[in-house]
PDB file of N, CA and C in Angstrom:
ATOM      1  N   UNK A   1      -9.602  86.112  21.921  1.00  0.00           N
ATOM      2  CA  UNK A   1     -11.489  85.465  21.959  1.00  0.00           C
ATOM      3  C   UNK A   1     -11.087  83.888  21.642  1.00  0.00           C
ATOM      4  N   UNK A   2     -12.202  83.848  22.898  1.00  0.00           N
ATOM      5  CA  UNK A   2     -12.609  82.353  23.622  1.00  0.00           C
ATOM      6  C   UNK A   2     -13.457  81.754  23.122  1.00  0.00           C
ATOM      7  N   UNK A   3     -12.462  80.691  22.268  1.00  0.00           N
ATOM      8  CA  UNK A   3     -14.212  79.373  21.431  1.00  0.00           C
ATOM      9  C   UNK A   3     -14.029  77.756  22.238  1.00  0.00           C
ATOM     10  N   UNK A   4     -13.657  78.294  23.319  1.00  0.00           N
ATOM     11  CA  UNK A   4     -13.855  77.162  23.673  1.00  0.00           C
ATOM     12  C   UNK A   4     -15.673  76.280  23.768  1.00  0.00           C
ATOM     13  N   UNK A   5     -16.388  77.197  24.203  1.00  0.00           N
ATOM     14  CA  UNK A   5     -17.341  76.896  24.157  1.00  0.00           C
ATOM     15  C   UNK A   5     -18.106  76.612  22.999  1.00  0.00           C
ATOM     16  N   UNK A   6     -17.734  76.880  22.185  1.00  0.00           N
ATOM     17  CA  UNK A   6     -18.817  77.106  20.490  1.00  0.00           C
ATOM     18  C   UNK A   6     -18.824  75.724  20.351  1.00  0.00           C
ATOM     19  N   UNK A   7     -20.040  74.976  19.787  1.00  0.00           N
ATOM     20  CA  UNK A   7     -20.330  73.729  19.111  1.00  0.00           C
ATOM     21  C   UNK A   7     -20.197  73.388  17.686  1.00  0.00           C
ATOM     22  N   UNK A   8     -20.076  72.709  17.003  1.00  0.00           N
ATOM     23  CA  UNK A   8     -20.294  72.674  15.522  1.00  0.00           C
ATOM     24  C   UNK A   8     -21.577  71.613  15.402  1.00  0.00           C
ATOM     25  N   UNK A   9     -22.702  72.054  16.299  1.00  0.00           N
ATOM     26  CA  UNK A   9     -23.894  72.163  15.492  1.00  0.00           C
ATOM     27  C   UNK A   9     -24.441  71.829  14.872  1.00  0.00           C
ATOM     28  N   UNK A  10     -24.324  73.143  13.833  1.00  0.00           N
ATOM     29  CA  UNK A  10     -24.776  73.652  12.756  1.00  0.00           C
ATOM     30  C   UNK A  10     -23.531  73.808  11.969  1.00  0.00           C
ATOM     31  N   UNK A  11     -22.335  73.326  11.964  1.00  0.00           N
ATOM     32  CA  UNK A  11     -21.673  73.519  10.782  1.00  0.00           C
ATOM     33  C   UNK A  11     -21.035  72.682   9.671  1.00  0.00           C
ATOM     34  N   UNK A  12     -20.592  72.200   8.772  1.00  0.00           N
ATOM     35  CA  UNK A  12     -20.728  71.567   7.383  1.00  0.00           C
ATOM     36  C   UNK A  12     -19.239  71.100   7.458  1.00  0.00           C
ATOM     37  N   UNK A  13     -18.531  72.959   6.956  1.00  0.00           N
ATOM     38  CA  UNK A  13     -16.927  72.093   7.185  1.00  0.00           C
ATOM     39  C   UNK A  13     -15.942  73.050   7.875  1.00  0.00           C
ATOM     40  N   UNK A  14     -14.843  72.929   8.011  1.00  0.00           N
ATOM     41  CA  UNK A  14     -14.167  74.332   8.788  1.00  0.00           C
ATOM     42  C   UNK A  14     -12.958  73.895   7.340  1.00  0.00           C
ATOM     43  N   UNK A  15     -12.271  75.041   6.844  1.00  0.00           N
ATOM     44  CA  UNK A  15     -11.473  75.298   5.878  1.00  0.00           C
ATOM     45  C   UNK A  15     -10.271  76.444   6.434  1.00  0.00           C
ATOM     46  N   UNK A  16      -9.109  75.482   6.630  1.00  0.00           N
ATOM     47  CA  UNK A  16      -8.416  76.674   6.819  1.00  0.00           C
ATOM     48  C   UNK A  16      -7.850  76.914   5.563  1.00  0.00           C
ATOM     49  N   UNK A  17      -7.070  77.893   5.265  1.00  0.00           N
ATOM     50  CA  UNK A  17      -7.075  78.494   3.629  1.00  0.00           C
ATOM     51  C   UNK A  17      -5.606  79.695   4.576  1.00  0.00           C
ATOM     52  N   UNK A  18      -4.493  78.817   3.716  1.00  0.00           N
ATOM     53  CA  UNK A  18      -3.245  79.645   3.829  1.00  0.00           C
ATOM     54  C   UNK A  18      -2.129  79.792   2.944  1.00  0.00           C
ATOM     55  N   UNK A  19      -1.104  80.607   2.901  1.00  0.00           N
ATOM     56  CA  UNK A  19      -0.160  80.547   1.355  1.00  0.00           C
ATOM     57  C   UNK A  19      -1.187  81.691   1.093  1.00  0.00           C
ATOM     58  N   UNK A  20      -0.730  81.602  -0.270  1.00  0.00           N
ATOM     59  CA  UNK A  20      -1.081  82.376  -1.457  1.00  0.00           C
ATOM     60  C   UNK A  20      -2.633  82.565  -1.065  1.00  0.00           C
ATOM     61  N   UNK A  21      -3.710  81.880  -1.262  1.00  0.00           N
ATOM     62  CA  UNK A  21      -4.888  81.891  -1.218  1.00  0.00           C
ATOM     63  C   UNK A  21      -5.069  82.634  -0.121  1.00  0.00           C
ATOM     64  N   UNK A  22      -4.917  82.690   1.499  1.00  0.00           N
ATOM     65  CA  UNK A  22      -5.332  83.991   2.399  1.00  0.00           C
ATOM     66  C   UNK A  22      -4.893  85.165   1.881  1.00  0.00           C
ATOM     67  N   UNK A  23      -4.008  85.442   0.487  1.00  0.00           N
ATOM     68  CA  UNK A  23      -3.919  87.103   0.275  1.00  0.00           C
ATOM     69  C   UNK A  23      -5.778  87.430  -0.498  1.00  0.00           C
ATOM     70  N   UNK A  24      -7.112  86.462  -0.554  1.00  0.00           N
ATOM     71  CA  UNK A  24      -7.761  86.788  -1.315  1.00  0.00           C
ATOM     72  C   UNK A  24      -8.602  87.497  -0.491  1.00  0.00           C
ATOM     73  N   UNK A  25      -8.646  87.359   0.631  1.00  0.00           N
ATOM     74  CA  UNK A  25      -9.207  87.622   2.206  1.00  0.00           C
ATOM     75  C   UNK A  25      -8.996  88.785   2.160  1.00  0.00           C
ATOM     76  N   UNK A  26      -8.040  89.451   2.197  1.00  0.00           N
ATOM     77  CA  UNK A  26      -7.273  91.332   1.660  1.00  0.00           C
ATOM     78  C   UNK A  26      -6.165  91.212   2.827  1.00  0.00           C
ATOM     79  N   UNK A  27      -5.784  92.267   3.946  1.00  0.00           N
ATOM     80  CA  UNK A  27      -4.750  93.034   4.274  1.00  0.00           C
ATOM     81  C   UNK A  27      -5.030  91.935   5.310  1.00  0.00           C
ATOM     82  N   UNK A  28      -6.491  91.617   6.432  1.00  0.00           N
ATOM     83  CA  UNK A  28      -6.593  91.642   7.382  1.00  0.00           C
ATOM     84  C   UNK A  28      -6.019  90.240   7.786  1.00  0.00           C
ATOM     85  N   UNK A  29      -5.823  88.878   6.492  1.00  0.00           N
ATOM     86  CA  UNK A  29      -5.261  88.099   6.413  1.00  0.00           C
ATOM     87  C   UNK A  29      -3.876  87.403   6.128  1.00  0.00           C
ATOM     88  N   UNK A  30      -2.846  88.169   7.188  1.00  0.00           N
ATOM     89  CA  UNK A  30      -1.932  87.641   7.337  1.00  0.00           C
ATOM     90  C   UNK A  30      -1.149  86.225   7.464  1.00  0.00           C
ATOM     91  N   UNK A  31      -1.301  85.328   7.565  1.00  0.00           N
ATOM     92  CA  UNK A  31      -0.418  84.086   7.264  1.00  0.00           C
ATOM     93  C   UNK A  31      -1.595  83.344   7.282  1.00  0.00           C
ATOM     94  N   UNK A  32      -3.682  83.221   7.975  1.00  0.00           N
ATOM     95  CA  UNK A  32      -3.968  81.944   7.352  1.00  0.00           C
ATOM     96  C   UNK A  32      -5.566  82.897   7.692  1.00  0.00           C
ATOM     97  N   UNK A  33      -6.698  81.773   6.783  1.00  0.00           N
ATOM     98  CA  UNK A  33      -8.117  82.793   6.820  1.00  0.00           C
ATOM     99  C   UNK A  33      -8.964  80.982   7.331  1.00  0.00           C
ATOM    100  N   UNK A  34      -9.464  81.606   8.396  1.00  0.00           N
ATOM    101  CA  UNK A  34     -10.217  79.979   9.099  1.00  0.00           C
ATOM    102  C   UNK A  34     -11.817  80.060   8.453  1.00  0.00           C
ATOM    103  N   UNK A  35     -12.411  79.517   7.271  1.00  0.00           N
ATOM    104  CA  UNK A  35     -13.519  79.635   7.006  1.00  0.00           C
ATOM    105  C   UNK A  35     -14.150  78.838   7.280  1.00  0.00           C
ATOM    106  N   UNK A  36     -15.751  79.285   8.000  1.00  0.00           N
ATOM    107  CA  UNK A  36     -16.365  78.134   9.197  1.00  0.00           C
ATOM    108  C   UNK A  36     -18.342  78.533   7.520  1.00  0.00           C
ATOM    109  N   UNK A  37     -18.718  77.034   7.236  1.00  0.00           N
ATOM    110  CA  UNK A  37     -19.383  76.946   6.324  1.00  0.00           C
ATOM    111  C   UNK A  37     -20.000  76.106   7.084  1.00  0.00           C
ATOM    112  N   UNK A  38     -21.753  77.108   7.226  1.00  0.00           N
ATOM    113  CA  UNK A  38     -23.037  76.079   7.981  1.00  0.00           C
ATOM    114  C   UNK A  38     -23.563  75.471   7.079  1.00  0.00           C
ATOM    115  N   UNK A  39     -24.375  74.689   7.568  1.00  0.00           N
ATOM    116  CA  UNK A  39     -25.711  74.328   6.740  1.00  0.00           C
ATOM    117  C   UNK A  39     -26.348  74.466   5.703  1.00  0.00           C
ATOM    118  N   UNK A  40     -26.925  73.904   5.160  1.00  0.00           N
ATOM    119  CA  UNK A  40     -28.168  74.721   4.188  1.00  0.00           C
ATOM    120  C   UNK A  40     -28.923  73.477   4.353  1.00  0.00           C
ATOM    121  N   UNK A  41     -30.219  73.873   3.996  1.00  0.00           N
ATOM    122  CA  UNK A  41     -31.067  72.753   3.846  1.00  0.00           C
ATOM    123  C   UNK A  41     -31.313  72.379   1.837  1.00  0.00           C
ATOM    124  N   UNK A  42     -31.400  71.397   1.743  1.00  0.00           N
ATOM    125  CA  UNK A  42     -31.272  71.089   0.723  1.00  0.00           C
ATOM    126  C   UNK A  42     -32.747  70.562  -0.153  1.00  0.00           C
ATOM    127  N   UNK A  43     -33.763  69.704   0.844  1.00  0.00           N
ATOM    128  CA  UNK A  43     -34.968  69.542   0.518  1.00  0.00           C
ATOM    129  C   UNK A  43     -35.982  70.128   0.399  1.00  0.00           C
ATOM    130  N   UNK A  44     -37.729  69.728  -0.093  1.00  0.00           N
ATOM    131  CA  UNK A  44     -38.570  70.220  -0.281  1.00  0.00           C
ATOM    132  C   UNK A  44     -38.807  69.919   1.079  1.00  0.00           C
ATOM    133  N   UNK A  45     -39.163  69.158   1.437  1.00  0.00           N
ATOM    134  CA  UNK A  45     -39.355  68.277   2.716  1.00  0.00           C
ATOM    135  C   UNK A  45     -38.569  68.266   3.237  1.00  0.00           C
ATOM    136  N   UNK A  46     -39.577  68.673   5.305  1.00  0.00           N
ATOM    137  CA  UNK A  46     -38.352  68.964   6.263  1.00  0.00           C
ATOM    138  C   UNK A  46     -37.650  68.143   6.308  1.00  0.00           C
ATOM    139  N   UNK A  47     -36.273  68.061   7.035  1.00  0.00           N
ATOM    140  CA  UNK A  47     -34.938  67.110   7.575  1.00  0.00           C
ATOM    141  C   UNK A  47     -34.764  67.388   8.661  1.00  0.00           C
ATOM    142  N   UNK A  48     -34.903  65.653   9.534  1.00  0.00           N
ATOM    143  CA  UNK A  48     -35.318  66.254  11.138  1.00  0.00           C
ATOM    144  C   UNK A  48     -34.276  65.475  11.560  1.00  0.00           C
ATOM    145  N   UNK A  49     -33.428  65.896  12.511  1.00  0.00           N
ATOM    146  CA  UNK A  49     -32.546  65.076  12.488  1.00  0.00           C
ATOM    147  C   UNK A  49     -31.929  65.154  14.004  1.00  0.00           C
ATOM    148  N   UNK A  50     -32.128  64.083  14.797  1.00  0.00           N
ATOM    149  CA  UNK A  50     -31.648  64.247  16.240  1.00  0.00           C
ATOM    150  C   UNK A  50     -31.196  63.138  17.048  1.00  0.00           C
ATOM    151  N   UNK A  51     -30.299  62.925  17.924  1.00  0.00           N
ATOM    152  CA  UNK A  51     -29.334  61.867  18.566  1.00  0.00           C
ATOM    153  C   UNK A  51     -28.965  62.358  20.160  1.00  0.00           C
ATOM    154  N   UNK A  52     -28.788  61.352  20.828  1.00  0.00           N
ATOM    155  CA  UNK A  52     -28.613  61.318  21.470  1.00  0.00           C
ATOM    156  C   UNK A  52     -27.449  60.497  22.464  1.00  0.00           C
ATOM    157  N   UNK A  53     -27.048  60.543  23.482  1.00  0.00           N
ATOM    158  CA  UNK A  53     -26.260  59.963  23.949  1.00  0.00           C
ATOM    159  C   UNK A  53     -25.578  59.803  25.720  1.00  0.00           C
ATOM    160  N   UNK A  54     -25.089  59.251  26.027  1.00  0.00           N
ATOM    161  CA  UNK A  54     -24.223  58.999  27.264  1.00  0.00           C
ATOM    162  C   UNK A  54     -23.620  58.090  27.971  1.00  0.00           C
ATOM    163  N   UNK A  55     -22.368  58.377  28.930  1.00  0.00           N
ATOM    164  CA  UNK A  55     -21.238  57.841  29.768  1.00  0.00           C
ATOM    165  C   UNK A  55     -21.098  57.759  30.678  1.00  0.00           C
ATOM    166  N   UNK A  56     -19.930  57.659  30.849  1.00  0.00           N
ATOM    167  CA  UNK A  56     -19.565  57.979  32.500  1.00  0.00           C
ATOM    168  C   UNK A  56     -19.465  59.141  32.967  1.00  0.00           C
ATOM    169  N   UNK A  57     -19.149  59.298  34.158  1.00  0.00           N
ATOM    170  CA  UNK A  57     -19.830  60.675  35.163  1.00  0.00           C
ATOM    171  C   UNK A  57     -21.082  61.049  34.923  1.00  0.00           C
ATOM    172  N   UNK A  58     -21.571  60.188  34.513  1.00  0.00           N
ATOM    173  CA  UNK A  58     -23.444  60.720  34.198  1.00  0.00           C
ATOM    174  C   UNK A  58     -23.600  61.741  33.628  1.00  0.00           C
ATOM    175  N   UNK A  59     -22.266  61.611  31.895  1.00  0.00           N
ATOM    176  CA  UNK A  59     -22.490  62.388  30.689  1.00  0.00           C
ATOM    177  C   UNK A  59     -23.779  61.830  29.591  1.00  0.00           C
ATOM    178  N   UNK A  60     -24.481  62.916  29.585  1.00  0.00           N
ATOM    179  CA  UNK A  60     -25.236  62.866  28.814  1.00  0.00           C
ATOM    180  C   UNK A  60     -25.218  63.974  27.884  1.00  0.00           C
ATOM    181  N   UNK A  61     -25.657  63.613  26.409  1.00  0.00           N
ATOM    182  CA  UNK A  61     -25.274  64.905  25.030  1.00  0.00           C
ATOM    183  C   UNK A  61     -26.296  64.257  24.248  1.00  0.00           C
ATOM    184  N   UNK A  62     -27.289  65.714  23.872  1.00  0.00           N
ATOM    185  CA  UNK A  62     -28.548  65.202  22.873  1.00  0.00           C
ATOM    186  C   UNK A  62     -28.426  66.447  22.045  1.00  0.00           C
ATOM    187  N   UNK A  63     -28.918  66.446  20.411  1.00  0.00           N
ATOM    188  CA  UNK A  63     -28.739  67.189  19.713  1.00  0.00           C
ATOM    189  C   UNK A  63     -30.152  67.126  18.924  1.00  0.00           C
ATOM    190  N   UNK A  64     -30.195  68.520  18.092  1.00  0.00           N
ATOM    191  CA  UNK A  64     -31.663  68.375  17.332  1.00  0.00           C
ATOM    192  C   UNK A  64     -30.971  69.375  16.408  1.00  0.00           C
ATOM    193  N   UNK A  65     -31.141  69.018  14.758  1.00  0.00           N
ATOM    194  CA  UNK A  65     -31.445  69.484  13.751  1.00  0.00           C
ATOM    195  C   UNK A  65     -32.434  69.249  12.923  1.00  0.00           C
ATOM    196  N   UNK A  66     -33.719  70.870  12.184  1.00  0.00           N
ATOM    197  CA  UNK A  66     -34.319  70.625  11.381  1.00  0.00           C
ATOM    198  C   UNK A  66     -33.165  71.764   9.964  1.00  0.00           C
ATOM    199  N   UNK A  67     -33.840  71.496   8.640  1.00  0.00           N
ATOM    200  CA  UNK A  67     -33.286  71.909   7.596  1.00  0.00           C
ATOM    201  C   UNK A  67     -34.159  71.376   6.476  1.00  0.00           C
ATOM    202  N   UNK A  68     -34.551  72.806   5.534  1.00  0.00           N
ATOM    203  CA  UNK A  68     -34.844  72.359   4.180  1.00  0.00           C
ATOM    204  C   UNK A  68     -35.002  73.750   3.661  1.00  0.00           C
ATOM    205  N   UNK A  69     -35.874  73.664   2.547  1.00  0.00           N
ATOM    206  CA  UNK A  69     -35.878  74.231   1.361  1.00  0.00           C
ATOM    207  C   UNK A  69     -37.664  75.213   1.314  1.00  0.00           C
ATOM    208  N   UNK A  70     -37.535  76.411   1.419  1.00  0.00           N
ATOM    209  CA  UNK A  70     -39.167  76.830   0.833  1.00  0.00           C
ATOM    210  C   UNK A  70     -38.675  77.780  -0.283  1.00  0.00           C
ATOM    211  N   UNK A  71     -39.290  76.845  -1.368  1.00  0.00           N
ATOM    212  CA  UNK A  71     -38.956  77.952  -2.248  1.00  0.00           C
ATOM    213  C   UNK A  71     -37.330  78.318  -2.816  1.00  0.00           C
ATOM    214  N   UNK A  72     -37.057  79.440  -2.733  1.00  0.00           N
ATOM    215  CA  UNK A  72     -35.540  79.087  -3.114  1.00  0.00           C
ATOM    216  C   UNK A  72     -34.565  79.775  -1.671  1.00  0.00           C
ATOM    217  N   UNK A  73     -35.380  79.509  -0.351  1.00  0.00           N
ATOM    218  CA  UNK A  73     -34.841  80.215   0.946  1.00  0.00           C
ATOM    219  C   UNK A  73     -34.742  78.799   1.337  1.00  0.00           C
ATOM    220  N   UNK A  74     -33.517  78.367   1.665  1.00  0.00           N
ATOM    221  CA  UNK A  74     -33.179  77.174   2.454  1.00  0.00           C
ATOM    222  C   UNK A  74     -32.800  77.773   3.687  1.00  0.00           C
ATOM    223  N   UNK A  75     -33.182  76.908   4.598  1.00  0.00           N
ATOM    224  CA  UNK A  75     -33.250  77.039   6.344  1.00  0.00           C
ATOM    225  C   UNK A  75     -32.553  76.281   6.786  1.00  0.00           C
ATOM    226  N   UNK A  76     -31.641  76.304   8.036  1.00  0.00           N
ATOM    227  CA  UNK A  76     -31.301  75.650   8.677  1.00  0.00           C
ATOM    228  C   UNK A  76     -30.946  75.872  10.054  1.00  0.00           C
ATOM    229  N   UNK A  77     -31.992  75.085  11.053  1.00  0.00           N
ATOM    230  CA  UNK A  77     -31.276  75.326  12.622  1.00  0.00           C
ATOM    231  C   UNK A  77     -31.287  74.358  13.454  1.00  0.00           C
ATOM    232  N   UNK A  78     -30.154  74.354  14.500  1.00  0.00           N
ATOM    233  CA  UNK A  78     -29.643  73.362  15.741  1.00  0.00           C
ATOM    234  C   UNK A  78     -29.550  73.726  16.700  1.00  0.00           C
ATOM    235  N   UNK A  79     -29.289  72.533  17.783  1.00  0.00           N
ATOM    236  CA  UNK A  79     -29.565  72.758  19.231  1.00  0.00           C
ATOM    237  C   UNK A  79     -29.134  71.949  19.737  1.00  0.00           C
ATOM    238  N   UNK A  80     -28.299  72.119  20.937  1.00  0.00           N
ATOM    239  CA  UNK A  80     -27.378  70.495  21.502  1.00  0.00           C
ATOM    240  C   UNK A  80     -27.620  71.355  23.492  1.00  0.00           C
ATOM    241  N   UNK A  81     -27.716  69.856  23.874  1.00  0.00           N
ATOM    242  CA  UNK A  81     -27.050  69.997  25.568  1.00  0.00           C
ATOM    243  C   UNK A  81     -26.589  69.215  25.607  1.00  0.00           C
ATOM    244  N   UNK A  82     -25.452  69.286  27.049  1.00  0.00           N
ATOM    245  CA  UNK A  82     -24.318  68.253  27.175  1.00  0.00           C
ATOM    246  C   UNK A  82     -24.278  68.606  28.260  1.00  0.00           C
ATOM    247  N   UNK A  83     -24.856  67.451  29.536  1.00  0.00           N
ATOM    248  CA  UNK A  83     -24.336  67.812  30.993  1.00  0.00           C
ATOM    249  C   UNK A  83     -23.676  66.823  30.945  1.00  0.00           C
ATOM    250  N   UNK A  84     -22.844  66.787  32.448  1.00  0.00           N
ATOM    251  CA  UNK A  84     -21.678  65.678  32.984  1.00  0.00           C
ATOM    252  C   UNK A  84     -21.558  66.321  34.357  1.00  0.00           C
ATOM    253  N   UNK A  85     -20.989  65.201  35.598  1.00  0.00           N
ATOM    254  CA  UNK A  85     -21.086  65.367  36.544  1.00  0.00           C
ATOM    255  C   UNK A  85     -19.487  64.867  37.013  1.00  0.00           C
ATOM    256  N   UNK A  86     -18.602  65.450  37.810  1.00  0.00           N
ATOM    257  CA  UNK A  86     -17.806  65.454  38.078  1.00  0.00           C
ATOM    258  C   UNK A  86     -17.552  64.969  39.708  1.00  0.00           C
ATOM    259  N   UNK A  87     -17.519  64.022  40.430  1.00  0.00           N
ATOM    260  CA  UNK A  87     -17.469  63.444  41.600  1.00  0.00           C
ATOM    261  C   UNK A  87     -16.396  63.307  42.099  1.00  0.00           C
ATOM    262  N   UNK A  88     -16.109  64.525  43.369  1.00  0.00           N
ATOM    263  CA  UNK A  88     -14.596  64.625  43.878  1.00  0.00           C
ATOM    264  C   UNK A  88     -14.118  63.374  44.623  1.00  0.00           C
TER     265      UNK A  88
END
C-alpha cells in the first residue's frame, strides 16, 4: 500500500503502539499498530481555519478546515492543494 500521497489535513495525532499493548488489537497486530486519530469539532460556533504558503520552484500550498458541534454530533472537514513547478 502506497501512502506517500496522503496528507495529514484532518488528523490530530498518529500513535504507534508496539510491544505488549499491540496485543489489544488482535492477532493481526504482530509487532505494532499505527492508529490515526482524526480531528473532532469542539465548539458550537463553527470554526474555520485557512492557510496559504509559497516557496521556491513556484511552489504553492493552501488548506482549509471547518469543524464544530451540532448537538451531540461533531463534524470536521478539510481540504488542501499543493502545486510545484520543477524546471529542467
